[in-house]
PDB file of N, CA and C in Angstrom:
ATOM      1  N   UNK A   1     -21.284  10.865   1.798  1.00  0.00           N
ATOM      2  CA  UNK A   1     -20.282  10.307   2.681  1.00  0.00           C
ATOM      3  C   UNK A   1     -20.908  10.122   4.056  1.00  0.00           C
ATOM      4  N   UNK A   2     -20.588   8.995   4.658  1.00  0.00           N
ATOM      5  CA  UNK A   2     -21.167   8.676   5.962  1.00  0.00           C
ATOM      6  C   UNK A   2     -20.110   8.132   6.911  1.00  0.00           C
ATOM      7  N   UNK A   3     -20.439   8.225   8.185  1.00  0.00           N
ATOM      8  CA  UNK A   3     -19.678   7.578   9.245  1.00  0.00           C
ATOM      9  C   UNK A   3     -18.192   7.954   9.255  1.00  0.00           C
ATOM     10  N   UNK A   4     -17.862   9.247   9.285  1.00  0.00           N
ATOM     11  CA  UNK A   4     -16.437   9.599   9.381  1.00  0.00           C
ATOM     12  C   UNK A   4     -15.889   9.190  10.742  1.00  0.00           C
ATOM     13  N   UNK A   5     -14.674   8.675  10.749  1.00  0.00           N
ATOM     14  CA  UNK A   5     -14.060   8.283  12.017  1.00  0.00           C
ATOM     15  C   UNK A   5     -12.558   8.515  11.962  1.00  0.00           C
ATOM     16  N   UNK A   6     -12.021   8.914  13.091  1.00  0.00           N
ATOM     17  CA  UNK A   6     -10.593   9.159  13.239  1.00  0.00           C
ATOM     18  C   UNK A   6      -9.953   7.903  13.817  1.00  0.00           C
ATOM     19  N   UNK A   7      -9.009   7.334  13.083  1.00  0.00           N
ATOM     20  CA  UNK A   7      -8.339   6.108  13.505  1.00  0.00           C
ATOM     21  C   UNK A   7      -6.847   6.379  13.647  1.00  0.00           C
ATOM     22  N   UNK A   8      -6.132   5.425  14.201  1.00  0.00           N
ATOM     23  CA  UNK A   8      -4.698   5.606  14.420  1.00  0.00           C
ATOM     24  C   UNK A   8      -3.932   4.378  13.956  1.00  0.00           C
ATOM     25  N   UNK A   9      -2.844   4.614  13.285  1.00  0.00           N
ATOM     26  CA  UNK A   9      -1.829   3.590  13.021  1.00  0.00           C
ATOM     27  C   UNK A   9      -0.602   4.119  13.738  1.00  0.00           C
ATOM     28  N   UNK A  10       0.401   4.545  13.001  1.00  0.00           N
ATOM     29  CA  UNK A  10       1.520   5.253  13.630  1.00  0.00           C
ATOM     30  C   UNK A  10       1.097   6.684  13.945  1.00  0.00           C
ATOM     31  N   UNK A  11       0.145   7.196  13.174  1.00  0.00           N
ATOM     32  CA  UNK A  11      -0.361   8.550  13.354  1.00  0.00           C
ATOM     33  C   UNK A  11      -1.828   8.563  12.922  1.00  0.00           C
ATOM     34  N   UNK A  12      -2.559   9.625  13.215  1.00  0.00           N
ATOM     35  CA  UNK A  12      -3.991   9.629  12.903  1.00  0.00           C
ATOM     36  C   UNK A  12      -4.276   9.648  11.404  1.00  0.00           C
ATOM     37  N   UNK A  13      -5.397   9.037  11.044  1.00  0.00           N
ATOM     38  CA  UNK A  13      -5.925   9.140   9.689  1.00  0.00           C
ATOM     39  C   UNK A  13      -7.443   9.080   9.777  1.00  0.00           C
ATOM     40  N   UNK A  14      -8.106   9.500   8.721  1.00  0.00           N
ATOM     41  CA  UNK A  14      -9.566   9.558   8.704  1.00  0.00           C
ATOM     42  C   UNK A  14     -10.086   8.493   7.749  1.00  0.00           C
ATOM     43  N   UNK A  15     -11.113   7.789   8.167  1.00  0.00           N
ATOM     44  CA  UNK A  15     -11.810   6.835   7.315  1.00  0.00           C
ATOM     45  C   UNK A  15     -13.252   7.292   7.182  1.00  0.00           C
ATOM     46  N   UNK A  16     -13.750   7.294   5.946  1.00  0.00           N
ATOM     47  CA  UNK A  16     -15.155   7.615   5.696  1.00  0.00           C
ATOM     48  C   UNK A  16     -15.725   6.568   4.750  1.00  0.00           C
ATOM     49  N   UNK A  17     -17.033   6.441   4.757  1.00  0.00           N
ATOM     50  CA  UNK A  17     -17.713   5.523   3.849  1.00  0.00           C
ATOM     51  C   UNK A  17     -18.448   6.328   2.792  1.00  0.00           C
ATOM     52  N   UNK A  18     -18.223   5.975   1.543  1.00  0.00           N
ATOM     53  CA  UNK A  18     -19.011   6.523   0.443  1.00  0.00           C
ATOM     54  C   UNK A  18     -20.069   5.479   0.134  1.00  0.00           C
ATOM     55  N   UNK A  19     -21.336   5.874   0.254  1.00  0.00           N
ATOM     56  CA  UNK A  19     -22.424   4.925   0.100  1.00  0.00           C
ATOM     57  C   UNK A  19     -23.329   5.381  -1.031  1.00  0.00           C
ATOM     58  N   UNK A  20     -23.618   4.470  -1.952  1.00  0.00           N
ATOM     59  CA  UNK A  20     -24.611   4.726  -2.994  1.00  0.00           C
ATOM     60  C   UNK A  20     -25.659   3.621  -2.901  1.00  0.00           C
ATOM     61  N   UNK A  21     -26.585   3.602  -3.828  1.00  0.00           N
ATOM     62  CA  UNK A  21     -27.622   2.566  -3.792  1.00  0.00           C
ATOM     63  C   UNK A  21     -27.049   1.175  -4.015  1.00  0.00           C
ATOM     64  N   UNK A  22     -25.968   1.086  -4.792  1.00  0.00           N
ATOM     65  CA  UNK A  22     -25.460  -0.223  -5.200  1.00  0.00           C
ATOM     66  C   UNK A  22     -24.228  -0.703  -4.446  1.00  0.00           C
ATOM     67  N   UNK A  23     -23.510   0.193  -3.814  1.00  0.00           N
ATOM     68  CA  UNK A  23     -22.265  -0.239  -3.182  1.00  0.00           C
ATOM     69  C   UNK A  23     -21.815   0.730  -2.107  1.00  0.00           C
ATOM     70  N   UNK A  24     -20.862   0.251  -1.319  1.00  0.00           N
ATOM     71  CA  UNK A  24     -20.256   1.055  -0.259  1.00  0.00           C
ATOM     72  C   UNK A  24     -18.741   0.951  -0.420  1.00  0.00           C
ATOM     73  N   UNK A  25     -18.062   2.094  -0.392  1.00  0.00           N
ATOM     74  CA  UNK A  25     -16.612   2.125  -0.525  1.00  0.00           C
ATOM     75  C   UNK A  25     -16.030   2.794   0.708  1.00  0.00           C
ATOM     76  N   UNK A  26     -15.064   2.132   1.333  1.00  0.00           N
ATOM     77  CA  UNK A  26     -14.352   2.723   2.466  1.00  0.00           C
ATOM     78  C   UNK A  26     -13.185   3.530   1.911  1.00  0.00           C
ATOM     79  N   UNK A  27     -13.061   4.770   2.338  1.00  0.00           N
ATOM     80  CA  UNK A  27     -11.993   5.653   1.878  1.00  0.00           C
ATOM     81  C   UNK A  27     -11.145   6.059   3.076  1.00  0.00           C
ATOM     82  N   UNK A  28      -9.843   5.803   2.987  1.00  0.00           N
ATOM     83  CA  UNK A  28      -8.898   6.236   4.015  1.00  0.00           C
ATOM     84  C   UNK A  28      -8.185   7.485   3.524  1.00  0.00           C
ATOM     85  N   UNK A  29      -8.121   8.489   4.373  1.00  0.00           N
ATOM     86  CA  UNK A  29      -7.398   9.725   4.067  1.00  0.00           C
ATOM     87  C   UNK A  29      -6.201   9.785   5.007  1.00  0.00           C
ATOM     88  N   UNK A  30      -5.014   9.654   4.424  1.00  0.00           N
ATOM     89  CA  UNK A  30      -3.783   9.593   5.204  1.00  0.00           C
ATOM     90  C   UNK A  30      -2.891  10.752   4.787  1.00  0.00           C
ATOM     91  N   UNK A  31      -2.544  11.589   5.741  1.00  0.00           N
ATOM     92  CA  UNK A  31      -1.665  12.720   5.450  1.00  0.00           C
ATOM     93  C   UNK A  31      -0.212  12.304   5.605  1.00  0.00           C
ATOM     94  N   UNK A  32       0.656  12.959   4.840  1.00  0.00           N
ATOM     95  CA  UNK A  32       2.084  12.671   4.923  1.00  0.00           C
ATOM     96  C   UNK A  32       2.864  13.941   4.629  1.00  0.00           C
ATOM     97  N   UNK A  33       4.136  13.928   4.980  1.00  0.00           N
ATOM     98  CA  UNK A  33       5.049  15.013   4.637  1.00  0.00           C
ATOM     99  C   UNK A  33       5.733  14.635   3.331  1.00  0.00           C
ATOM    100  N   UNK A  34       5.605  15.471   2.298  1.00  0.00           N
ATOM    101  CA  UNK A  34       6.258  15.201   1.016  1.00  0.00           C
ATOM    102  C   UNK A  34       7.692  15.715   1.098  1.00  0.00           C
ATOM    103  N   UNK A  35       8.563  14.895   1.647  1.00  0.00           N
ATOM    104  CA  UNK A  35       9.948  15.275   1.909  1.00  0.00           C
ATOM    105  C   UNK A  35      10.808  15.008   0.682  1.00  0.00           C
ATOM    106  N   UNK A  36      11.817  15.857   0.480  1.00  0.00           N
ATOM    107  CA  UNK A  36      12.709  15.584  -0.646  1.00  0.00           C
ATOM    108  C   UNK A  36      13.661  14.450  -0.278  1.00  0.00           C
ATOM    109  N   UNK A  37      14.215  13.834  -1.305  1.00  0.00           N
ATOM    110  CA  UNK A  37      15.028  12.641  -1.105  1.00  0.00           C
ATOM    111  C   UNK A  37      16.258  12.910  -0.242  1.00  0.00           C
ATOM    112  N   UNK A  38      16.870  14.079  -0.373  1.00  0.00           N
ATOM    113  CA  UNK A  38      18.028  14.408   0.465  1.00  0.00           C
ATOM    114  C   UNK A  38      17.656  14.409   1.944  1.00  0.00           C
ATOM    115  N   UNK A  39      16.495  14.975   2.279  1.00  0.00           N
ATOM    116  CA  UNK A  39      16.049  14.994   3.671  1.00  0.00           C
ATOM    117  C   UNK A  39      15.866  13.571   4.192  1.00  0.00           C
ATOM    118  N   UNK A  40      15.181  12.735   3.409  1.00  0.00           N
ATOM    119  CA  UNK A  40      14.941  11.354   3.843  1.00  0.00           C
ATOM    120  C   UNK A  40      16.257  10.602   3.995  1.00  0.00           C
ATOM    121  N   UNK A  41      17.178  10.794   3.055  1.00  0.00           N
ATOM    122  CA  UNK A  41      18.478  10.113   3.149  1.00  0.00           C
ATOM    123  C   UNK A  41      19.263  10.556   4.378  1.00  0.00           C
ATOM    124  N   UNK A  42      19.178  11.832   4.734  1.00  0.00           N
ATOM    125  CA  UNK A  42      19.944  12.359   5.866  1.00  0.00           C
ATOM    126  C   UNK A  42      19.282  12.124   7.219  1.00  0.00           C
ATOM    127  N   UNK A  43      17.958  12.234   7.271  1.00  0.00           N
ATOM    128  CA  UNK A  43      17.264  12.204   8.564  1.00  0.00           C
ATOM    129  C   UNK A  43      16.214  11.101   8.682  1.00  0.00           C
ATOM    130  N   UNK A  44      15.867  10.482   7.580  1.00  0.00           N
ATOM    131  CA  UNK A  44      14.800   9.490   7.585  1.00  0.00           C
ATOM    132  C   UNK A  44      13.447  10.166   7.487  1.00  0.00           C
ATOM    133  N   UNK A  45      12.398   9.382   7.300  1.00  0.00           N
ATOM    134  CA  UNK A  45      11.057   9.961   7.226  1.00  0.00           C
ATOM    135  C   UNK A  45      10.588  10.428   8.600  1.00  0.00           C
ATOM    136  N   UNK A  46       9.683  11.398   8.627  1.00  0.00           N
ATOM    137  CA  UNK A  46       9.088  11.852   9.880  1.00  0.00           C
ATOM    138  C   UNK A  46       8.090  10.795  10.368  1.00  0.00           C
ATOM    139  N   UNK A  47       7.284  10.272   9.456  1.00  0.00           N
ATOM    140  CA  UNK A  47       6.355   9.181   9.761  1.00  0.00           C
ATOM    141  C   UNK A  47       6.549   8.085   8.718  1.00  0.00           C
ATOM    142  N   UNK A  48       5.993   6.919   8.973  1.00  0.00           N
ATOM    143  CA  UNK A  48       6.161   5.788   8.055  1.00  0.00           C
ATOM    144  C   UNK A  48       5.591   6.085   6.671  1.00  0.00           C
ATOM    145  N   UNK A  49       4.499   6.825   6.591  1.00  0.00           N
ATOM    146  CA  UNK A  49       3.886   7.079   5.283  1.00  0.00           C
ATOM    147  C   UNK A  49       4.629   8.124   4.468  1.00  0.00           C
ATOM    148  N   UNK A  50       5.610   8.789   5.049  1.00  0.00           N
ATOM    149  CA  UNK A  50       6.382   9.774   4.285  1.00  0.00           C
ATOM    150  C   UNK A  50       7.221   9.116   3.195  1.00  0.00           C
ATOM    151  N   UNK A  51       7.398   7.805   3.286  1.00  0.00           N
ATOM    152  CA  UNK A  51       8.087   7.074   2.215  1.00  0.00           C
ATOM    153  C   UNK A  51       7.158   6.808   1.041  1.00  0.00           C
ATOM    154  N   UNK A  52       5.860   6.895   1.246  1.00  0.00           N
ATOM    155  CA  UNK A  52       4.884   6.481   0.241  1.00  0.00           C
ATOM    156  C   UNK A  52       5.040   7.150  -1.116  1.00  0.00           C
ATOM    157  N   UNK A  53       5.214   8.475  -1.197  1.00  0.00           N
ATOM    158  CA  UNK A  53       5.374   9.068  -2.535  1.00  0.00           C
ATOM    159  C   UNK A  53       6.596   8.520  -3.264  1.00  0.00           C
ATOM    160  N   UNK A  54       7.677   8.306  -2.543  1.00  0.00           N
ATOM    161  CA  UNK A  54       8.895   7.784  -3.165  1.00  0.00           C
ATOM    162  C   UNK A  54       8.710   6.325  -3.567  1.00  0.00           C
ATOM    163  N   UNK A  55       8.024   5.568  -2.738  1.00  0.00           N
ATOM    164  CA  UNK A  55       7.736   4.167  -3.053  1.00  0.00           C
ATOM    165  C   UNK A  55       6.884   4.097  -4.324  1.00  0.00           C
ATOM    166  N   UNK A  56       5.842   4.922  -4.377  1.00  0.00           N
ATOM    167  CA  UNK A  56       4.967   4.945  -5.548  1.00  0.00           C
ATOM    168  C   UNK A  56       5.705   5.311  -6.825  1.00  0.00           C
ATOM    169  N   UNK A  57       6.570   6.290  -6.740  1.00  0.00           N
ATOM    170  CA  UNK A  57       7.358   6.683  -7.920  1.00  0.00           C
ATOM    171  C   UNK A  57       8.274   5.549  -8.366  1.00  0.00           C
ATOM    172  N   UNK A  58       8.894   4.875  -7.406  1.00  0.00           N
ATOM    173  CA  UNK A  58       9.785   3.765  -7.736  1.00  0.00           C
ATOM    174  C   UNK A  58       9.016   2.664  -8.467  1.00  0.00           C
ATOM    175  N   UNK A  59       7.855   2.309  -7.937  1.00  0.00           N
ATOM    176  CA  UNK A  59       7.050   1.242  -8.535  1.00  0.00           C
ATOM    177  C   UNK A  59       6.607   1.636  -9.934  1.00  0.00           C
ATOM    178  N   UNK A  60       6.128   2.846 -10.086  1.00  0.00           N
ATOM    179  CA  UNK A  60       5.663   3.323 -11.394  1.00  0.00           C
ATOM    180  C   UNK A  60       6.771   3.249 -12.435  1.00  0.00           C
ATOM    181  N   UNK A  61       7.978   3.566 -12.034  1.00  0.00           N
ATOM    182  CA  UNK A  61       9.088   3.648 -12.982  1.00  0.00           C
ATOM    183  C   UNK A  61       9.860   2.349 -13.166  1.00  0.00           C
ATOM    184  N   UNK A  62       9.668   1.356 -12.298  1.00  0.00           N
ATOM    185  CA  UNK A  62      10.534   0.175 -12.340  1.00  0.00           C
ATOM    186  C   UNK A  62       9.832  -1.164 -12.521  1.00  0.00           C
ATOM    187  N   UNK A  63       8.518  -1.229 -12.383  1.00  0.00           N
ATOM    188  CA  UNK A  63       7.818  -2.499 -12.568  1.00  0.00           C
ATOM    189  C   UNK A  63       7.129  -2.528 -13.925  1.00  0.00           C
ATOM    190  N   UNK A  64       7.130  -3.695 -14.540  1.00  0.00           N
ATOM    191  CA  UNK A  64       6.387  -3.878 -15.783  1.00  0.00           C
ATOM    192  C   UNK A  64       4.904  -4.020 -15.442  1.00  0.00           C
ATOM    193  N   UNK A  65       4.051  -3.958 -16.446  1.00  0.00           N
ATOM    194  CA  UNK A  65       2.617  -4.148 -16.208  1.00  0.00           C
ATOM    195  C   UNK A  65       2.344  -5.550 -15.657  1.00  0.00           C
ATOM    196  N   UNK A  66       3.070  -6.546 -16.152  1.00  0.00           N
ATOM    197  CA  UNK A  66       2.881  -7.907 -15.638  1.00  0.00           C
ATOM    198  C   UNK A  66       3.265  -7.990 -14.165  1.00  0.00           C
ATOM    199  N   UNK A  67       4.345  -7.342 -13.776  1.00  0.00           N
ATOM    200  CA  UNK A  67       4.744  -7.341 -12.366  1.00  0.00           C
ATOM    201  C   UNK A  67       3.717  -6.600 -11.512  1.00  0.00           C
ATOM    202  N   UNK A  68       3.169  -5.502 -12.014  1.00  0.00           N
ATOM    203  CA  UNK A  68       2.136  -4.775 -11.268  1.00  0.00           C
ATOM    204  C   UNK A  68       0.909  -5.655 -11.065  1.00  0.00           C
ATOM    205  N   UNK A  69       0.534  -6.425 -12.075  1.00  0.00           N
ATOM    206  CA  UNK A  69      -0.586  -7.360 -11.925  1.00  0.00           C
ATOM    207  C   UNK A  69      -0.252  -8.453 -10.919  1.00  0.00           C
ATOM    208  N   UNK A  70       0.987  -8.942 -10.944  1.00  0.00           N
ATOM    209  CA  UNK A  70       1.410  -9.938  -9.959  1.00  0.00           C
ATOM    210  C   UNK A  70       1.313  -9.386  -8.540  1.00  0.00           C
ATOM    211  N   UNK A  71       1.670  -8.131  -8.363  1.00  0.00           N
ATOM    212  CA  UNK A  71       1.568  -7.490  -7.049  1.00  0.00           C
ATOM    213  C   UNK A  71       0.116  -7.474  -6.591  1.00  0.00           C
ATOM    214  N   UNK A  72      -0.800  -7.128  -7.483  1.00  0.00           N
ATOM    215  CA  UNK A  72      -2.225  -7.098  -7.129  1.00  0.00           C
ATOM    216  C   UNK A  72      -2.717  -8.481  -6.705  1.00  0.00           C
ATOM    217  N   UNK A  73      -2.322  -9.507  -7.439  1.00  0.00           N
ATOM    218  CA  UNK A  73      -2.729 -10.883  -7.108  1.00  0.00           C
ATOM    219  C   UNK A  73      -2.167 -11.294  -5.751  1.00  0.00           C
ATOM    220  N   UNK A  74      -0.894 -11.029  -5.538  1.00  0.00           N
ATOM    221  CA  UNK A  74      -0.253 -11.415  -4.281  1.00  0.00           C
ATOM    222  C   UNK A  74      -0.866 -10.685  -3.091  1.00  0.00           C
ATOM    223  N   UNK A  75      -1.146  -9.395  -3.240  1.00  0.00           N
ATOM    224  CA  UNK A  75      -1.777  -8.641  -2.147  1.00  0.00           C
ATOM    225  C   UNK A  75      -3.151  -9.206  -1.820  1.00  0.00           C
ATOM    226  N   UNK A  76      -3.946  -9.540  -2.837  1.00  0.00           N
ATOM    227  CA  UNK A  76      -5.270 -10.096  -2.583  1.00  0.00           C
ATOM    228  C   UNK A  76      -5.176 -11.450  -1.881  1.00  0.00           C
ATOM    229  N   UNK A  77      -4.191 -12.256  -2.263  1.00  0.00           N
ATOM    230  CA  UNK A  77      -3.978 -13.537  -1.589  1.00  0.00           C
ATOM    231  C   UNK A  77      -3.704 -13.324  -0.106  1.00  0.00           C
ATOM    232  N   UNK A  78      -2.792 -12.399   0.214  1.00  0.00           N
ATOM    233  CA  UNK A  78      -2.460 -12.158   1.617  1.00  0.00           C
ATOM    234  C   UNK A  78      -3.609 -11.483   2.366  1.00  0.00           C
ATOM    235  N   UNK A  79      -4.347 -10.599   1.715  1.00  0.00           N
ATOM    236  CA  UNK A  79      -5.518  -9.998   2.368  1.00  0.00           C
ATOM    237  C   UNK A  79      -6.548 -11.071   2.700  1.00  0.00           C
ATOM    238  N   UNK A  80      -6.777 -12.002   1.766  1.00  0.00           N
ATOM    239  CA  UNK A  80      -7.747 -13.076   1.993  1.00  0.00           C
ATOM    240  C   UNK A  80      -7.336 -13.962   3.158  1.00  0.00           C
ATOM    241  N   UNK A  81      -6.049 -14.018   3.447  1.00  0.00           N
ATOM    242  CA  UNK A  81      -5.541 -14.819   4.558  1.00  0.00           C
ATOM    243  C   UNK A  81      -5.244 -13.973   5.794  1.00  0.00           C
ATOM    244  N   UNK A  82      -5.746 -12.742   5.792  1.00  0.00           N
ATOM    245  CA  UNK A  82      -5.673 -11.831   6.941  1.00  0.00           C
ATOM    246  C   UNK A  82      -4.250 -11.543   7.406  1.00  0.00           C
ATOM    247  N   UNK A  83      -3.320 -11.469   6.475  1.00  0.00           N
ATOM    248  CA  UNK A  83      -1.942 -11.146   6.861  1.00  0.00           C
ATOM    249  C   UNK A  83      -1.381  -9.998   6.024  1.00  0.00           C
ATOM    250  N   UNK A  84      -2.280  -9.139   5.517  1.00  0.00           N
ATOM    251  CA  UNK A  84      -1.858  -7.936   4.814  1.00  0.00           C
ATOM    252  C   UNK A  84      -2.985  -6.918   4.914  1.00  0.00           C
ATOM    253  N   UNK A  85      -2.622  -5.663   5.011  1.00  0.00           N
ATOM    254  CA  UNK A  85      -3.611  -4.599   5.034  1.00  0.00           C
ATOM    255  C   UNK A  85      -3.559  -3.817   6.325  1.00  0.00           C
ATOM    256  N   UNK A  86      -4.289  -2.706   6.353  1.00  0.00           N
ATOM    257  CA  UNK A  86      -4.221  -1.810   7.508  1.00  0.00           C
ATOM    258  C   UNK A  86      -4.825  -2.417   8.767  1.00  0.00           C
ATOM    259  N   UNK A  87      -5.628  -3.454   8.645  1.00  0.00           N
ATOM    260  CA  UNK A  87      -6.225  -4.097   9.821  1.00  0.00           C
ATOM    261  C   UNK A  87      -5.405  -5.295  10.304  1.00  0.00           C
ATOM    262  N   UNK A  88      -4.367  -5.646   9.578  1.00  0.00           N
ATOM    263  CA  UNK A  88      -3.561  -6.815   9.925  1.00  0.00           C
ATOM    264  C   UNK A  88      -2.479  -6.449  10.925  1.00  0.00           C
ATOM    265  N   UNK A  89      -2.344  -7.280  11.942  1.00  0.00           N
ATOM    266  CA  UNK A  89      -1.294  -7.046  12.941  1.00  0.00           C
ATOM    267  C   UNK A  89       0.011  -7.722  12.550  1.00  0.00           C
ATOM    268  N   UNK A  90      -0.033  -8.537  11.514  1.00  0.00           N
ATOM    269  CA  UNK A  90       1.176  -9.267  11.101  1.00  0.00           C
ATOM    270  C   UNK A  90       1.479  -9.008   9.633  1.00  0.00           C
ATOM    271  N   UNK A  91       2.736  -9.185   9.285  1.00  0.00           N
ATOM    272  CA  UNK A  91       3.159  -9.268   7.895  1.00  0.00           C
ATOM    273  C   UNK A  91       2.991  -8.035   7.052  1.00  0.00           C
ATOM    274  N   UNK A  92       3.846  -7.051   7.232  1.00  0.00           N
ATOM    275  CA  UNK A  92       3.892  -5.913   6.317  1.00  0.00           C
ATOM    276  C   UNK A  92       5.090  -6.113   5.401  1.00  0.00           C
ATOM    277  N   UNK A  93       4.848  -6.328   4.131  1.00  0.00           N
ATOM    278  CA  UNK A  93       5.920  -6.580   3.177  1.00  0.00           C
ATOM    279  C   UNK A  93       5.703  -5.689   1.967  1.00  0.00           C
ATOM    280  N   UNK A  94       6.781  -5.185   1.404  1.00  0.00           N
ATOM    281  CA  UNK A  94       6.687  -4.441   0.149  1.00  0.00           C
ATOM    282  C   UNK A  94       6.699  -5.441  -0.991  1.00  0.00           C
ATOM    283  N   UNK A  95       5.514  -5.931  -1.368  1.00  0.00           N
ATOM    284  CA  UNK A  95       5.408  -6.935  -2.417  1.00  0.00           C
ATOM    285  C   UNK A  95       5.999  -6.439  -3.726  1.00  0.00           C
ATOM    286  N   UNK A  96       5.851  -5.146  -3.972  1.00  0.00           N
ATOM    287  CA  UNK A  96       6.362  -4.580  -5.211  1.00  0.00           C
ATOM    288  C   UNK A  96       7.866  -4.768  -5.323  1.00  0.00           C
ATOM    289  N   UNK A  97       8.565  -4.493  -4.240  1.00  0.00           N
ATOM    290  CA  UNK A  97      10.021  -4.632  -4.233  1.00  0.00           C
ATOM    291  C   UNK A  97      10.399  -6.107  -4.347  1.00  0.00           C
ATOM    292  N   UNK A  98       9.681  -6.957  -3.623  1.00  0.00           N
ATOM    293  CA  UNK A  98       9.936  -8.390  -3.689  1.00  0.00           C
ATOM    294  C   UNK A  98       9.815  -8.900  -5.121  1.00  0.00           C
ATOM    295  N   UNK A  99       8.737  -8.516  -5.797  1.00  0.00           N
ATOM    296  CA  UNK A  99       8.537  -8.985  -7.164  1.00  0.00           C
ATOM    297  C   UNK A  99       9.513  -8.352  -8.145  1.00  0.00           C
ATOM    298  N   UNK A 100       9.962  -7.167  -7.850  1.00  0.00           N
ATOM    299  CA  UNK A 100      10.968  -6.520  -8.712  1.00  0.00           C
ATOM    300  C   UNK A 100      12.270  -7.306  -8.674  1.00  0.00           C
ATOM    301  N   UNK A 101      12.557  -7.911  -7.537  1.00  0.00           N
ATOM    302  CA  UNK A 101      13.822  -8.610  -7.355  1.00  0.00           C
ATOM    303  C   UNK A 101      13.738 -10.106  -7.638  1.00  0.00           C
ATOM    304  N   UNK A 102      12.540 -10.622  -7.868  1.00  0.00           N
ATOM    305  CA  UNK A 102      12.385 -12.061  -8.101  1.00  0.00           C
ATOM    306  C   UNK A 102      11.711 -12.289  -9.441  1.00  0.00           C
ATOM    307  N   UNK A 103      11.344 -13.533  -9.694  1.00  0.00           N
ATOM    308  CA  UNK A 103      10.691 -13.853 -10.959  1.00  0.00           C
ATOM    309  C   UNK A 103       9.202 -13.534 -10.881  1.00  0.00           C
ATOM    310  N   UNK A 104       8.534 -13.592 -11.998  1.00  0.00           N
ATOM    311  CA  UNK A 104       7.126 -13.255 -12.073  1.00  0.00           C
ATOM    312  C   UNK A 104       6.274 -14.329 -11.402  1.00  0.00           C
ATOM    313  N   UNK A 105       5.188 -13.918 -10.773  1.00  0.00           N
ATOM    314  CA  UNK A 105       4.269 -14.864 -10.137  1.00  0.00           C
ATOM    315  C   UNK A 105       3.678 -15.834 -11.143  1.00  0.00           C
ATOM    316  N   UNK A 106       3.411 -15.354 -12.349  1.00  0.00           N
ATOM    317  CA  UNK A 106       2.790 -16.222 -13.345  1.00  0.00           C
ATOM    318  C   UNK A 106       3.635 -17.461 -13.600  1.00  0.00           C
ATOM    319  N   UNK A 107       4.942 -17.362 -13.406  1.00  0.00           N
ATOM    320  CA  UNK A 107       5.804 -18.536 -13.548  1.00  0.00           C
ATOM    321  C   UNK A 107       5.503 -19.574 -12.473  1.00  0.00           C
ATOM    322  N   UNK A 108       5.008 -19.145 -11.317  1.00  0.00           N
ATOM    323  CA  UNK A 108       4.684 -20.081 -10.244  1.00  0.00           C
ATOM    324  C   UNK A 108       3.397 -20.844 -10.538  1.00  0.00           C
ATOM    325  N   UNK A 109       2.372 -20.150 -10.984  1.00  0.00           N
ATOM    326  CA  UNK A 109       1.089 -20.826 -11.111  1.00  0.00           C
ATOM    327  C   UNK A 109       0.803 -21.355 -12.508  1.00  0.00           C
ATOM    328  N   UNK A 110       1.705 -21.197 -13.466  1.00  0.00           N
ATOM    329  CA  UNK A 110       1.498 -21.809 -14.779  1.00  0.00           C
ATOM    330  C   UNK A 110       2.345 -23.057 -14.964  1.00  0.00           C
ATOM    331  N   UNK A 111       3.319 -23.268 -14.112  1.00  0.00           N
ATOM    332  CA  UNK A 111       4.194 -24.452 -14.240  1.00  0.00           C
ATOM    333  C   UNK A 111       3.835 -25.510 -13.224  1.00  0.00           C
TER     334      UNK A 111
END
């Protein structure tokens, strides 16, 4: 691991690079409070990432494999256009929720 650095979004997180002979992978370590659902419903999350475990559980339990693949495609499209991701100043959207409520992406690009 190389080049550890402390960065900030809403709160601090650590980024490190894992480097091997063939590739380099950036790893973000983001801490969160694993709050129970009653706490979040009554008081809201302490930080924005405190919703993440609940979001992940929802996606795992409610999206089909095809929808999960559509989410991956859509995220890559927006990342390529610099409007999604931790470095983007614009456009934070829960693509998973959007696709859960709409039709499949494959219907857009096959017709």
